[in-house]
C-alpha atoms as a PDB file:
ATOM      1  CA  MET A   1      -7.435 -13.704 -21.436  1.00  0.00           C
ATOM      2  CA  GLY A   2      -6.563 -10.671 -23.491  1.00  0.00           C
ATOM      3  CA  GLY A   3      -5.359  -7.355 -21.679  1.00  0.00           C
ATOM      4  CA  THR A   4      -3.252  -4.516 -21.343  1.00  0.00           C
ATOM      5  CA  SER A   5      -0.633  -3.765 -18.712  1.00  0.00           C
ATOM      6  CA  GLY A   6       2.084  -1.286 -17.875  1.00  0.00           C
ATOM      7  CA  GLY A   7       1.002   2.421 -17.986  1.00  0.00           C
ATOM      8  CA  GLY A   8      -2.266   2.289 -20.224  1.00  0.00           C
ATOM      9  CA  ARG A   9      -4.402   5.141 -20.654  1.00  0.00           C
ATOM     10  CA  VAL A  10      -6.713   6.109 -17.959  1.00  0.00           C
ATOM     11  CA  PRO A  11     -10.278   4.802 -18.408  1.00  0.00           C
ATOM     12  CA  ALA A  12     -12.728   7.497 -19.216  1.00  0.00           C
ATOM     13  CA  ARG A  13     -14.582   6.654 -15.987  1.00  0.00           C
ATOM     14  CA  TRP A  14     -11.549   8.024 -14.177  1.00  0.00           C
ATOM     15  CA  SER A  15     -11.236  11.297 -15.785  1.00  0.00           C
ATOM     16  CA  GLU A  16     -13.674  13.200 -13.443  1.00  0.00           C
ATOM     17  CA  ILE A  17     -12.286  11.703 -10.349  1.00  0.00           C
ATOM     18  CA  VAL A  18      -8.779  12.474 -11.148  1.00  0.00           C
ATOM     19  CA  ARG A  19      -9.791  15.973 -12.079  1.00  0.00           C
ATOM     20  CA  GLU A  20     -11.638  16.310  -8.762  1.00  0.00           C
ATOM     21  CA  ARG A  21      -8.477  15.013  -6.808  1.00  0.00           C
ATOM     22  CA  ARG A  22      -5.966  17.193  -8.477  1.00  0.00           C
ATOM     23  CA  GLY A  23      -3.939  14.119  -9.325  1.00  0.00           C
ATOM     24  CA  THR A  24      -3.100  11.723 -12.039  1.00  0.00           C
ATOM     25  CA  GLY A  25      -4.019   8.043 -12.745  1.00  0.00           C
ATOM     26  CA  ARG A  26      -2.950   5.459 -15.206  1.00  0.00           C
ATOM     27  CA  THR A  27      -4.055   1.666 -15.985  1.00  0.00           C
ATOM     28  CA  LEU A  28      -1.874  -0.825 -14.591  1.00  0.00           C
ATOM     29  CA  PHE A  29      -3.945  -3.809 -15.926  1.00  0.00           C
ATOM     30  CA  ALA A  30      -7.264  -4.562 -17.423  1.00  0.00           C
ATOM     31  CA  ASP A  31      -9.122  -7.612 -18.658  1.00  0.00           C
ATOM     32  CA  GLY A  32     -12.847  -8.531 -18.767  1.00  0.00           C
ATOM     33  CA  THR A  33     -13.385  -8.908 -14.922  1.00  0.00           C
ATOM     34  CA  LEU A  34     -10.572  -6.896 -13.343  1.00  0.00           C
ATOM     35  CA  THR A  35      -8.913  -3.312 -13.595  1.00  0.00           C
ATOM     36  CA  ALA A  36      -5.904  -2.075 -11.720  1.00  0.00           C
ATOM     37  CA  THR A  37      -5.629   1.637 -11.635  1.00  0.00           C
ATOM     38  CA  ASP A  38      -2.526   3.564 -10.329  1.00  0.00           C
ATOM     39  CA  ILE A  39      -3.903   6.811  -8.534  1.00  0.00           C
ATOM     40  CA  HIS A  40      -1.376   9.566  -7.573  1.00  0.00           C
ATOM     41  CA  CYS A  41      -3.536  12.032  -5.578  1.00  0.00           C
ATOM     42  CA  CYS A  42      -2.330  15.908  -5.440  1.00  0.00           C
ATOM     43  CA  GLU A  43      -5.206  17.244  -3.434  1.00  0.00           C
ATOM     44  CA  ASP A  44      -4.201  19.037  -0.306  1.00  0.00           C
ATOM     45  CA  ARG A  45      -7.483  20.564   1.180  1.00  0.00           C
ATOM     46  CA  THR A  46      -7.804  19.487   4.820  1.00  0.00           C
ATOM     47  CA  GLY A  47     -11.450  19.986   4.726  1.00  0.00           C
ATOM     48  CA  PHE A  48     -13.907  17.375   3.114  1.00  0.00           C
ATOM     49  CA  VAL A  49     -14.443  17.467  -0.609  1.00  0.00           C
ATOM     50  CA  GLY A  50     -17.438  16.069  -2.241  1.00  0.00           C
ATOM     51  CA  PRO A  51     -19.853  14.451  -2.260  1.00  0.00           C
ATOM     52  CA  GLY A  52     -19.225  11.688  -4.866  1.00  0.00           C
ATOM     53  CA  ARG A  53     -21.061   8.563  -5.646  1.00  0.00           C
ATOM     54  CA  GLU A  54     -19.370   5.272  -6.314  1.00  0.00           C
ATOM     55  CA  ASP A  55     -20.306   3.329  -9.311  1.00  0.00           C
ATOM     56  CA  MET A  56     -18.028   0.078  -8.969  1.00  0.00           C
ATOM     57  CA  TYR A  57     -17.139  -3.055  -6.847  1.00  0.00           C
ATOM     58  CA  GLY A  58     -13.565  -3.142  -5.803  1.00  0.00           C
ATOM     59  CA  VAL A  59     -10.719  -2.583  -3.276  1.00  0.00           C
ATOM     60  CA  ALA A  60      -8.568   0.643  -2.910  1.00  0.00           C
ATOM     61  CA  LEU A  61      -5.164   0.004  -1.257  1.00  0.00           C
ATOM     62  CA  THR A  62      -2.864   2.519  -0.241  1.00  0.00           C
ATOM     63  CA  ARG A  63       0.926   2.538  -1.021  1.00  0.00           C
ATOM     64  CA  ALA A  64       1.909   6.178   0.417  1.00  0.00           C
ATOM     65  CA  GLY A  65       0.415   8.664   2.382  1.00  0.00           C
ATOM     66  CA  GLY A  66      -2.956   8.902   3.771  1.00  0.00           C
ATOM     67  CA  TYR A  67      -6.282  10.784   3.746  1.00  0.00           C
ATOM     68  CA  LEU A  68      -9.225  10.706   5.684  1.00  0.00           C
ATOM     69  CA  ARG A  69     -12.639   9.336   3.977  1.00  0.00           C
ATOM     70  CA  ARG A  70     -16.226   9.583   4.896  1.00  0.00           C
ATOM     71  CA  VAL A  71     -18.393   6.877   3.335  1.00  0.00           C
ATOM     72  CA  ASN A  72     -22.048   6.987   4.025  1.00  0.00           C
ATOM     73  CA  GLY A  73     -21.425   9.196   6.898  1.00  0.00           C
ATOM     74  CA  GLU A  74     -18.712   6.650   8.670  1.00  0.00           C
ATOM     75  CA  GLU A  75     -15.279   8.403   8.774  1.00  0.00           C
ATOM     76  CA  PHE A  76     -12.056   6.086   8.885  1.00  0.00           C
ATOM     77  CA  PHE A  77      -8.482   7.237   7.910  1.00  0.00           C
ATOM     78  CA  VAL A  78      -6.907   5.614   4.965  1.00  0.00           C
ATOM     79  CA  ASP A  79      -3.117   4.982   4.891  1.00  0.00           C
ATOM     80  CA  VAL A  80      -0.170   2.426   4.164  1.00  0.00           C
ATOM     81  CA  THR A  81      -1.662  -0.127   6.633  1.00  0.00           C
ATOM     82  CA  GLY A  82      -4.871  -0.755   4.568  1.00  0.00           C
ATOM     83  CA  GLY A  83      -7.638   0.616   2.206  1.00  0.00           C
ATOM     84  CA  TYR A  84     -11.405   0.393   1.909  1.00  0.00           C
ATOM     85  CA  LEU A  85     -14.009  -1.379  -0.015  1.00  0.00           C
ATOM     86  CA  LEU A  86     -16.066   0.090  -2.869  1.00  0.00           C
ATOM     87  CA  ARG A  87     -19.727  -0.534  -3.366  1.00  0.00           C
ATOM     88  CA  PRO A  88     -22.114   1.105  -6.010  1.00  0.00           C
ATOM     89  CA  GLY A  89     -24.253   3.562  -4.555  1.00  0.00           C
ATOM     90  CA  ASP A  90     -21.705   4.759  -1.445  1.00  0.00           C
ATOM     91  CA  GLU A  91     -21.610   8.425  -0.777  1.00  0.00           C
ATOM     92  CA  HIS A  92     -17.868   9.517  -0.361  1.00  0.00           C
ATOM     93  CA  HIS A  93     -16.309  12.505   0.836  1.00  0.00           C
ATOM     94  CA  ILE A  94     -12.338  13.059   1.061  1.00  0.00           C
ATOM     95  CA  ALA A  95     -10.059  15.082   3.316  1.00  0.00           C
ATOM     96  CA  HIS A  96      -6.251  15.365   3.684  1.00  0.00           C
ATOM     97  CA  PRO A  97      -5.138  16.339   7.071  1.00  0.00           C
ATOM     98  CA  ALA A  98      -1.634  14.822   6.473  1.00  0.00           C
ATOM     99  CA  GLY A  99      -1.132  16.721   3.477  1.00  0.00           C
ATOM    100  CA  SER A 100      -1.083  15.718  -0.442  1.00  0.00           C
ATOM    101  CA  GLY A 101       0.862  13.020  -2.354  1.00  0.00           C
ATOM    102  CA  ASP A 102      -0.941   9.819  -1.468  1.00  0.00           C
ATOM    103  CA  ARG A 103      -0.494   6.909  -3.848  1.00  0.00           C
ATOM    104  CA  SER A 104      -2.975   4.157  -4.129  1.00  0.00           C
ATOM    105  CA  THR A 105      -4.234   1.309  -6.227  1.00  0.00           C
ATOM    106  CA  ILE A 106      -7.706   0.581  -6.841  1.00  0.00           C
ATOM    107  CA  LEU A 107      -8.780  -2.861  -7.938  1.00  0.00           C
ATOM    108  CA  GLN A 108     -12.079  -2.795  -9.785  1.00  0.00           C
ATOM    109  CA  VAL A 109     -13.550  -6.068  -9.744  1.00  0.00           C
ATOM    110  CA  ASP A 110     -16.756  -8.178 -11.176  1.00  0.00           C
ATOM    111  CA  VAL A 111     -19.580  -8.146  -8.724  1.00  0.00           C
ATOM    112  CA  ARG A 112     -19.249 -12.050  -8.590  1.00  0.00           C
ATOM    113  CA  TYR A 113     -15.791 -12.065  -7.640  1.00  0.00           C
ATOM    114  CA  PHE A 114     -16.264  -9.133  -4.950  1.00  0.00           C
ATOM    115  CA  ALA A 115     -19.156 -10.788  -3.254  1.00  0.00           C
ATOM    116  CA  ASP A 116     -17.196 -14.201  -3.251  1.00  0.00           C
ATOM    117  CA  ARG A 117     -14.770 -12.667  -1.021  1.00  0.00           C
ATOM    118  CA  PHE A 118     -16.252  -9.774   0.933  1.00  0.00           C
ATOM    119  CA  ASP A 119     -19.972 -10.620   1.016  1.00  0.00           C
ATOM    120  CA  ARG A 120     -20.098 -14.128   2.272  1.00  0.00           C
ATOM    121  CA  ARG A 121     -17.664 -14.422   4.899  1.00  0.00           C
ATOM    122  CA  PRO A 122     -18.684 -13.826   8.623  1.00  0.00           C
ATOM    123  CA  ARG A 123     -15.981 -11.371   9.119  1.00  0.00           C
ATOM    124  CA  ALA A 124     -16.425  -9.331   6.319  1.00  0.00           C
ATOM    125  CA  PRO A 125     -17.815  -6.948   6.867  1.00  0.00           C
ATOM    126  CA  ARG A 126     -18.144  -7.049  10.684  1.00  0.00           C
ATOM    127  CA  LEU A 127     -20.341  -4.003  11.031  1.00  0.00           C
ATOM    128  CA  PRO A 128     -22.909  -2.941   8.262  1.00  0.00           C
ATOM    129  CA  GLY A 129     -21.783   0.130   6.288  1.00  0.00           C
ATOM    130  CA  VAL A 130     -18.142  -0.026   7.326  1.00  0.00           C
ATOM    131  CA  ARG A 131     -15.705   0.181   4.539  1.00  0.00           C
ATOM    132  CA  ALA A 132     -12.188   0.467   5.993  1.00  0.00           C
ATOM    133  CA  VAL A 133      -9.923  -2.410   5.733  1.00  0.00           C
ATOM    134  CA  ALA A 134      -6.654  -3.304   7.324  1.00  0.00           C
ATOM    135  CA  VAL A 135      -3.911  -5.543   5.716  1.00  0.00           C
ATOM    136  CA  ASP A 136      -0.958  -7.057   7.244  1.00  0.00           C
ATOM    137  CA  GLY A 137       2.532  -6.552   6.116  1.00  0.00           C
ATOM    138  CA  ALA A 138       2.817  -9.683   3.853  1.00  0.00           C
ATOM    139  CA  THR A 139      -0.416  -8.436   1.965  1.00  0.00           C
ATOM    140  CA  ASP A 140       0.937  -4.936   1.649  1.00  0.00           C
ATOM    141  CA  LEU A 141       4.280  -6.509   0.148  1.00  0.00           C
ATOM    142  CA  ARG A 142       1.907  -8.832  -2.156  1.00  0.00           C
ATOM    143  CA  HIS A 143       0.348  -5.219  -3.484  1.00  0.00           C
ATOM    144  CA  ARG A 144       3.374  -3.578  -3.997  1.00  0.00           C
ATOM    145  CA  ALA A 145       4.998  -6.542  -5.850  1.00  0.00           C
ATOM    146  CA  PHE A 146       1.703  -6.575  -8.018  1.00  0.00           C
ATOM    147  CA  VAL A 147       2.314  -2.839  -9.068  1.00  0.00           C
ATOM    148  CA  ALA A 148       5.935  -3.530  -9.631  1.00  0.00           C
ATOM    149  CA  ALA A 149       5.140  -6.405 -11.829  1.00  0.00           C
ATOM    150  CA  ALA A 150       2.751  -4.644 -13.830  1.00  0.00           C
ATOM    151  CA  GLY A 151       5.403  -1.637 -14.153  1.00  0.00           C
ATOM    152  CA  ARG A 152       7.867  -4.034 -15.719  1.00  0.00           C
ATOM    153  CA  GLY A 153       5.277  -5.402 -18.270  1.00  0.00           C
ATOM    154  CA  ALA A 154       4.296  -8.716 -16.951  1.00  0.00           C
ATOM    155  CA  ASP A 155       2.052 -10.515 -19.126  1.00  0.00           C
ATOM    156  CA  SER A 156      -1.694 -10.643 -18.519  1.00  0.00           C
ATOM    157  CA  PHE A 157      -1.731 -14.243 -17.378  1.00  0.00           C
ATOM    158  CA  GLU A 158       0.826 -13.382 -14.566  1.00  0.00           C
ATOM    159  CA  LEU A 159      -0.993 -10.051 -13.490  1.00  0.00           C
ATOM    160  CA  THR A 160      -4.155 -11.804 -13.475  1.00  0.00           C
ATOM    161  CA  GLU A 161      -2.887 -14.619 -11.048  1.00  0.00           C
ATOM    162  CA  ARG A 162      -1.097 -11.989  -8.869  1.00  0.00           C
ATOM    163  CA  ALA A 163      -4.244 -10.001  -8.751  1.00  0.00           C
ATOM    164  CA  HIS A 164      -6.494 -12.350  -7.773  1.00  0.00           C
ATOM    165  CA  ALA A 165      -4.048 -13.704  -5.145  1.00  0.00           C
ATOM    166  CA  LEU A 166      -3.994 -10.130  -3.673  1.00  0.00           C
ATOM    167  CA  LEU A 167      -7.498 -10.043  -3.466  1.00  0.00           C
ATOM    168  CA  ASP A 168      -7.754 -13.366  -1.475  1.00  0.00           C
ATOM    169  CA  ALA A 169      -4.985 -11.889   0.711  1.00  0.00           C
ATOM    170  CA  VAL A 170      -7.035  -8.814   1.473  1.00  0.00           C
ATOM    171  CA  ALA A 171     -10.209 -10.644   2.146  1.00  0.00           C
ATOM    172  CA  GLY A 172      -8.391 -12.841   4.474  1.00  0.00           C
ATOM    173  CA  ALA A 173      -6.391 -10.198   6.384  1.00  0.00           C
ATOM    174  CA  ALA A 174      -9.270  -7.353   6.440  1.00  0.00           C
ATOM    175  CA  GLY A 175     -10.377  -6.177   9.464  1.00  0.00           C
ATOM    176  CA  GLN A 176     -12.701  -3.345   9.877  1.00  0.00           C
ATOM    177  CA  TRP A 177     -12.344  -0.343  12.315  1.00  0.00           C
ATOM    178  CA  ALA A 178     -14.777  -1.345  15.018  1.00  0.00           C
ATOM    179  CA  VAL A 179     -15.849   0.060  18.566  1.00  0.00           C
ATOM    180  CA  SER A 180     -17.342  -1.289  21.561  1.00  0.00           C
ATOM    181  CA  GLY A 181     -20.901  -2.014  21.322  1.00  0.00           C
ATOM    182  CA  SER A 182     -21.453  -0.605  24.939  1.00  0.00           C
ATOM    183  CA  CYS A 183     -20.906   3.211  23.691  1.00  0.00           C
ATOM    184  CA  GLY A 184     -23.480   5.201  22.078  1.00  0.00           C
ATOM    185  CA  PRO A 185     -23.140   6.494  18.330  1.00  0.00           C
ATOM    186  CA  ALA A 186     -21.759   9.718  19.082  1.00  0.00           C
ATOM    187  CA  THR A 187     -19.021   8.433  21.540  1.00  0.00           C
ATOM    188  CA  ALA A 188     -18.153   5.695  18.539  1.00  0.00           C
ATOM    189  CA  ARG A 189     -17.849   8.683  15.992  1.00  0.00           C
ATOM    190  CA  ALA A 190     -15.795  10.495  18.442  1.00  0.00           C
ATOM    191  CA  HIS A 191     -13.443   7.386  19.087  1.00  0.00           C
ATOM    192  CA  ARG A 192     -13.146   6.813  15.262  1.00  0.00           C
ATOM    193  CA  ARG A 193     -12.168  10.403  14.953  1.00  0.00           C
ATOM    194  CA  LEU A 194      -9.569  10.612  17.536  1.00  0.00           C
ATOM    195  CA  ALA A 195      -8.167   7.204  15.825  1.00  0.00           C
ATOM    196  CA  ALA A 196      -8.160   8.919  12.781  1.00  0.00           C
ATOM    197  CA  ASP A 197      -6.326  11.850  14.031  1.00  0.00           C
ATOM    198  CA  ALA A 198      -3.719   9.849  15.521  1.00  0.00           C
ATOM    199  CA  CYS A 199      -3.163   8.174  12.192  1.00  0.00           C
ATOM    200  CA  ALA A 200      -2.953  11.418  10.252  1.00  0.00           C
ATOM    201  CA  ALA A 201      -0.323  12.443  12.573  1.00  0.00           C
ATOM    202  CA  LEU A 202       1.668   9.508  12.333  1.00  0.00           C
ATOM    203  CA  THR A 203       1.526   9.319   8.658  1.00  0.00           C
ATOM    204  CA  ALA A 204       2.009  13.024   7.843  1.00  0.00           C
ATOM    205  CA  HIS A 205       5.853  12.893   8.459  1.00  0.00           C
ATOM    206  CA  PRO A 206       7.110   9.227   8.876  1.00  0.00           C
ATOM    207  CA  GLU A 207      10.743  10.561   8.934  1.00  0.00           C
ATOM    208  CA  HIS A 208       9.946  12.083  12.186  1.00  0.00           C
ATOM    209  CA  LEU A 209       8.643   9.050  13.727  1.00  0.00           C
ATOM    210  CA  PRO A 210      11.834   7.827  15.262  1.00  0.00           C
ATOM    211  CA  ALA A 211      11.582  11.080  17.521  1.00  0.00           C
ATOM    212  CA  LEU A 212       8.234  11.339  18.278  1.00  0.00           C
ATOM    213  CA  THR A 213       6.974  10.383  21.928  1.00  0.00           C
ATOM    214  CA  LEU A 214       3.592   9.096  22.956  1.00  0.00           C
ATOM    215  CA  ASP A 215       3.091  12.197  25.188  1.00  0.00           C
ATOM    216  CA  GLU A 216       3.713  14.513  22.191  1.00  0.00           C
ATOM    217  CA  LEU A 217       1.357  12.513  19.879  1.00  0.00           C
ATOM    218  CA  ALA A 218      -1.210  12.770  22.580  1.00  0.00           C
ATOM    219  CA  ARG A 219      -0.915  16.481  22.852  1.00  0.00           C
ATOM    220  CA  THR A 220      -1.048  17.024  19.017  1.00  0.00           C
ATOM    221  CA  VAL A 221      -4.524  14.981  18.863  1.00  0.00           C
ATOM    222  CA  GLY A 222      -5.723  16.579  22.170  1.00  0.00           C
ATOM    223  CA  ALA A 223      -6.024  13.537  24.424  1.00  0.00           C
ATOM    224  CA  SER A 224      -3.960  11.876  27.235  1.00  0.00           C
ATOM    225  CA  PRO A 225      -1.610   9.171  26.528  1.00  0.00           C
ATOM    226  CA  HIS A 226      -3.791   6.506  28.235  1.00  0.00           C
ATOM    227  CA  HIS A 227      -7.021   7.666  26.768  1.00  0.00           C
ATOM    228  CA  LEU A 228      -5.540   7.761  23.134  1.00  0.00           C
ATOM    229  CA  SER A 229      -3.830   4.224  23.619  1.00  0.00           C
ATOM    230  CA  ARG A 230      -6.978   2.712  24.864  1.00  0.00           C
ATOM    231  CA  VAL A 231      -9.190   3.974  21.964  1.00  0.00           C
ATOM    232  CA  PHE A 232      -6.830   3.413  19.246  1.00  0.00           C
ATOM    233  CA  ARG A 233      -6.523   0.027  20.000  1.00  0.00           C
ATOM    234  CA  ALA A 234     -10.268  -0.508  20.517  1.00  0.00           C
ATOM    235  CA  VAL A 235     -11.016   1.067  17.136  1.00  0.00           C
ATOM    236  CA  THR A 236      -8.211  -0.310  14.886  1.00  0.00           C
ATOM    237  CA  GLY A 237      -7.543  -3.464  16.779  1.00  0.00           C
ATOM    238  CA  SER A 238      -3.792  -2.468  16.762  1.00  0.00           C
ATOM    239  CA  THR A 239      -1.485  -0.895  19.343  1.00  0.00           C
ATOM    240  CA  LEU A 240       0.239   2.457  18.702  1.00  0.00           C
ATOM    241  CA  THR A 241       3.463   0.949  18.751  1.00  0.00           C
ATOM    242  CA  ALA A 242       2.512  -1.796  16.243  1.00  0.00           C
ATOM    243  CA  TYR A 243       0.734   0.946  13.769  1.00  0.00           C
ATOM    244  CA  ARG A 244       3.965   3.097  14.173  1.00  0.00           C
ATOM    245  CA  ASN A 245       6.264   0.173  13.164  1.00  0.00           C
ATOM    246  CA  GLN A 246       3.890  -0.733  10.316  1.00  0.00           C
ATOM    247  CA  VAL A 247       4.203   3.057   9.022  1.00  0.00           C
ATOM    248  CA  ARG A 248       8.065   2.996   9.195  1.00  0.00           C
ATOM    249  CA  VAL A 249       8.291  -0.511   7.522  1.00  0.00           C
ATOM    250  CA  ARG A 250       6.026   0.577   4.582  1.00  0.00           C
ATOM    251  CA  ALA A 251       7.900   3.596   4.396  1.00  0.00           C
ATOM    252  CA  VAL A 252      10.907   1.648   3.728  1.00  0.00           C
ATOM    253  CA  LEU A 253       9.085  -0.309   1.298  1.00  0.00           C
ATOM    254  CA  HIS A 254       8.017   2.480  -0.716  1.00  0.00           C
ATOM    255  CA  ALA A 255      11.503   3.887  -0.804  1.00  0.00           C
ATOM    256  CA  LEU A 256      12.920   0.522  -2.145  1.00  0.00           C
ATOM    257  CA  THR A 257      10.160   0.793  -4.899  1.00  0.00           C
ATOM    258  CA  GLU A 258      11.387   4.095  -5.645  1.00  0.00           C
ATOM    259  CA  GLY A 259      15.125   3.143  -6.000  1.00  0.00           C
ATOM    260  CA  GLY A 260      15.864   4.357  -2.532  1.00  0.00           C
ATOM    261  CA  PRO A 261      19.513   4.464  -1.261  1.00  0.00           C
ATOM    262  CA  GLY A 262      21.158   1.586   0.551  1.00  0.00           C
ATOM    263  CA  LEU A 263      19.880  -0.415   3.651  1.00  0.00           C
ATOM    264  CA  ARG A 264      22.389   1.135   5.979  1.00  0.00           C
ATOM    265  CA  ALA A 265      21.330   4.712   4.948  1.00  0.00           C
ATOM    266  CA  LEU A 266      17.530   3.716   5.037  1.00  0.00           C
ATOM    267  CA  ALA A 267      17.984   2.116   8.430  1.00  0.00           C
ATOM    268  CA  ALA A 268      19.501   5.472   9.778  1.00  0.00           C
ATOM    269  CA  ALA A 269      16.723   7.612   7.969  1.00  0.00           C
ATOM    270  CA  HIS A 270      13.892   5.643   9.527  1.00  0.00           C
ATOM    271  CA  GLY A 271      15.287   5.335  13.180  1.00  0.00           C
ATOM    272  CA  PHE A 272      16.465   1.851  13.350  1.00  0.00           C
ATOM    273  CA  ALA A 273      19.736   1.015  15.383  1.00  0.00           C
ATOM    274  CA  ASP A 274      21.216  -0.550  12.244  1.00  0.00           C
ATOM    275  CA  GLN A 275      20.967  -2.459   8.996  1.00  0.00           C
ATOM    276  CA  ALA A 276      20.530  -5.702  11.027  1.00  0.00           C
ATOM    277  CA  HIS A 277      17.678  -4.028  13.285  1.00  0.00           C
ATOM    278  CA  LEU A 278      15.834  -2.846   9.852  1.00  0.00           C
ATOM    279  CA  THR A 279      16.246  -6.570   8.610  1.00  0.00           C
ATOM    280  CA  ARG A 280      14.749  -8.155  11.692  1.00  0.00           C
ATOM    281  CA  VAL A 281      11.789  -5.483  11.817  1.00  0.00           C
ATOM    282  CA  VAL A 282      10.994  -5.852   7.936  1.00  0.00           C
ATOM    283  CA  ARG A 283      11.044  -9.722   8.328  1.00  0.00           C
ATOM    284  CA  GLN A 284       8.736  -9.466  11.190  1.00  0.00           C
ATOM    285  CA  TYR A 285       6.126  -7.406   9.300  1.00  0.00           C
ATOM    286  CA  THR A 286       6.294  -8.794   5.772  1.00  0.00           C
ATOM    287  CA  GLY A 287       7.794 -12.149   6.081  1.00  0.00           C
ATOM    288  CA  ALA A 288      10.795 -11.120   3.782  1.00  0.00           C
ATOM    289  CA  VAL A 289      14.114  -9.392   4.026  1.00  0.00           C
ATOM    290  CA  PRO A 290      14.906  -5.927   2.458  1.00  0.00           C
ATOM    291  CA  SER A 291      17.394  -7.351   0.252  1.00  0.00           C
ATOM    292  CA  SER A 292      15.015  -9.810  -1.405  1.00  0.00           C
ATOM    293  CA  VAL A 293      12.318  -6.960  -1.302  1.00  0.00           C
ATOM    294  CA  ARG A 294      14.509  -4.707  -3.252  1.00  0.00           C
ATOM    295  CA  GLU A 295      14.752  -7.134  -5.993  1.00  0.00           C
ATOM    296  CA  GLU A 296      11.099  -7.947  -6.112  1.00  0.00           C
ATOM    297  CA  LEU A 297      10.084  -4.136  -6.234  1.00  0.00           C
ATOM    298  CA  ALA A 298      13.123  -2.871  -8.143  1.00  0.00           C
ATOM    299  CA  PRO A 299      11.842   0.169 -10.597  1.00  0.00           C
ATOM    300  CA  VAL A 300      11.730  -0.653 -14.259  1.00  0.00           C
ATOM    301  CA  GLN A 301      14.876   1.108 -14.973  1.00  0.00           C
ATOM    302  CA  ALA A 302      16.913  -0.349 -12.099  1.00  0.00           C
ATOM    303  CA  ALA A 303      15.371  -3.936 -13.218  1.00  0.00           C
ATOM    304  CA  ARG A 304      16.872  -3.286 -16.965  1.00  0.00           C
ATOM    305  CA  THR A 305      20.174  -2.103 -15.417  1.00  0.00           C
ATOM    306  CA  THR A 306      20.466  -5.298 -13.376  1.00  0.00           C
ATOM    307  CA  SER A 307      19.461  -7.416 -15.972  1.00  0.00           C
ATOM    308  CA  ALA A 308      22.067  -5.716 -18.368  1.00  0.00           C
ATOM    309  CA  ARG A 309      24.696  -6.215 -15.737  1.00  0.00           C
ATOM    310  CA  ALA A 310      23.909  -9.790 -15.367  1.00  0.00           C
ATOM    311  CA  SER A 311      24.048 -10.122 -19.076  1.00  0.00           C
ATOM    312  CA  ALA A 312      27.363  -8.440 -19.354  1.00  0.00           C
ATOM    313  CA  GLN A 313      28.787 -10.659 -16.544  1.00  0.00           C
ATOM    314  CA  ALA A 314      27.692 -13.690 -18.485  1.00  0.00           C
ATOM    315  CA  ARG A 315      29.346 -12.510 -21.533  1.00  0.00           C
ATOM    316  CA  ARG A 316      32.562 -11.907 -19.811  1.00  0.00           C
ATOM    317  CA  ALA A 317      32.505 -15.200 -17.926  1.00  0.00           C
ATOM    318  CA  LEU A 318      31.977 -17.092 -21.385  1.00  0.00           C
ATOM    319  CA  ILE A 319      34.775 -14.986 -22.954  1.00  0.00           C
ATOM    320  CA  GLU A 320      37.113 -15.947 -20.159  1.00  0.00           C
ATOM    321  CA  HIS A 321      36.052 -19.466 -20.332  1.00  0.00           C
ATOM    322  CA  GLU A 322      36.750 -19.737 -24.051  1.00  0.00           C
ATOM    323  CA  SER A 323      39.960 -17.980 -23.603  1.00  0.00           C
ATOM    324  CA  SER A 324      41.120 -20.491 -20.924  1.00  0.00           C
ATOM    325  CA  THR A 325      40.041 -23.386 -23.206  1.00  0.00           C
ATOM    326  CA  ARG A 326      41.429 -22.306 -26.389  1.00  0.00           C
ATOM    327  CA  THR A 327      44.265 -24.648 -28.010  1.00  0.00           C
ATOM    328  CA  PRO A 328      47.329 -22.717 -28.163  1.00  0.00           C
ATOM    329  CA  ARG A 329      48.922 -22.242 -31.673  1.00  0.00           C
ATOM    330  CA  GLY A 330      51.453 -24.707 -32.419  1.00  0.00           C
ATOM    331  CA  GLY A 331      50.176 -27.154 -30.062  1.00  0.00           C
ATOM    332  CA  PRO A 332      48.872 -30.677 -31.007  1.00  0.00           C
ATOM    333  CA  GLY A 333      46.991 -30.701 -34.229  1.00  0.00           C
END
């Protein structure tokens, strides 16, 4: 397949959206049936902006930050633990209660590929009209590895394969925000909004998470700890503790992607007891250890530096080998 990758021009269809979001976008990869676009949103308005009208099939996945999205009247918080599905005709609004600077990848796909993954599975979507999806740590790592590979200039074949594997993983891990069928529409909306407020509070300042208590979080969103914990699990399918750990781990992954400090410093910055504790938690949520993740997600410059260092070491080893095996002058001849 012919395609482009690695920082191409933003497609014309994105220019209006980028201006509306007060951010930037660039094409990571494009072929005839799939386009991946990196969006860096600088919008900081806490109230809803819109409406907008969707015109594509696809999936949006978040790599950093978070925001509140309303699609066809349903509200949900989009953050590093997931994203949302895009369907033509969807009316959407967006708000940023957690602040600006979120980073997302939008995978626009052919309707056939979208339908195969998201319309013909019993669990996807479980509720008509719900667009939010949650992804596990391994799928999030696959997403970040795809972006890193595109940034390093991987060829079209590899990026196509990575993109389809990522879509398969999203479809397999996707879970929609739900609420108990026993509550009415007004209560369901209130529960989703409470869960969204909790997500926004936990996402706004991930560096403060180690010191944040459940009581403080509950006071921030105006609920009792028991009520918040119960509603959050009913809506998201996750406990607050598990969600908090996911946010911390993905903040570490983002730091590794950006060429962050050493693992010991990262462990201290994100509230882990030590580097070994960081390694255990990252492995628990992603299936990989931080040292291997750093290599896979290394920024382009860091990857070039590592490659150059390896080449230099190889040259030195070759010179030393040749020097040690060279026949001394005056020897047998």
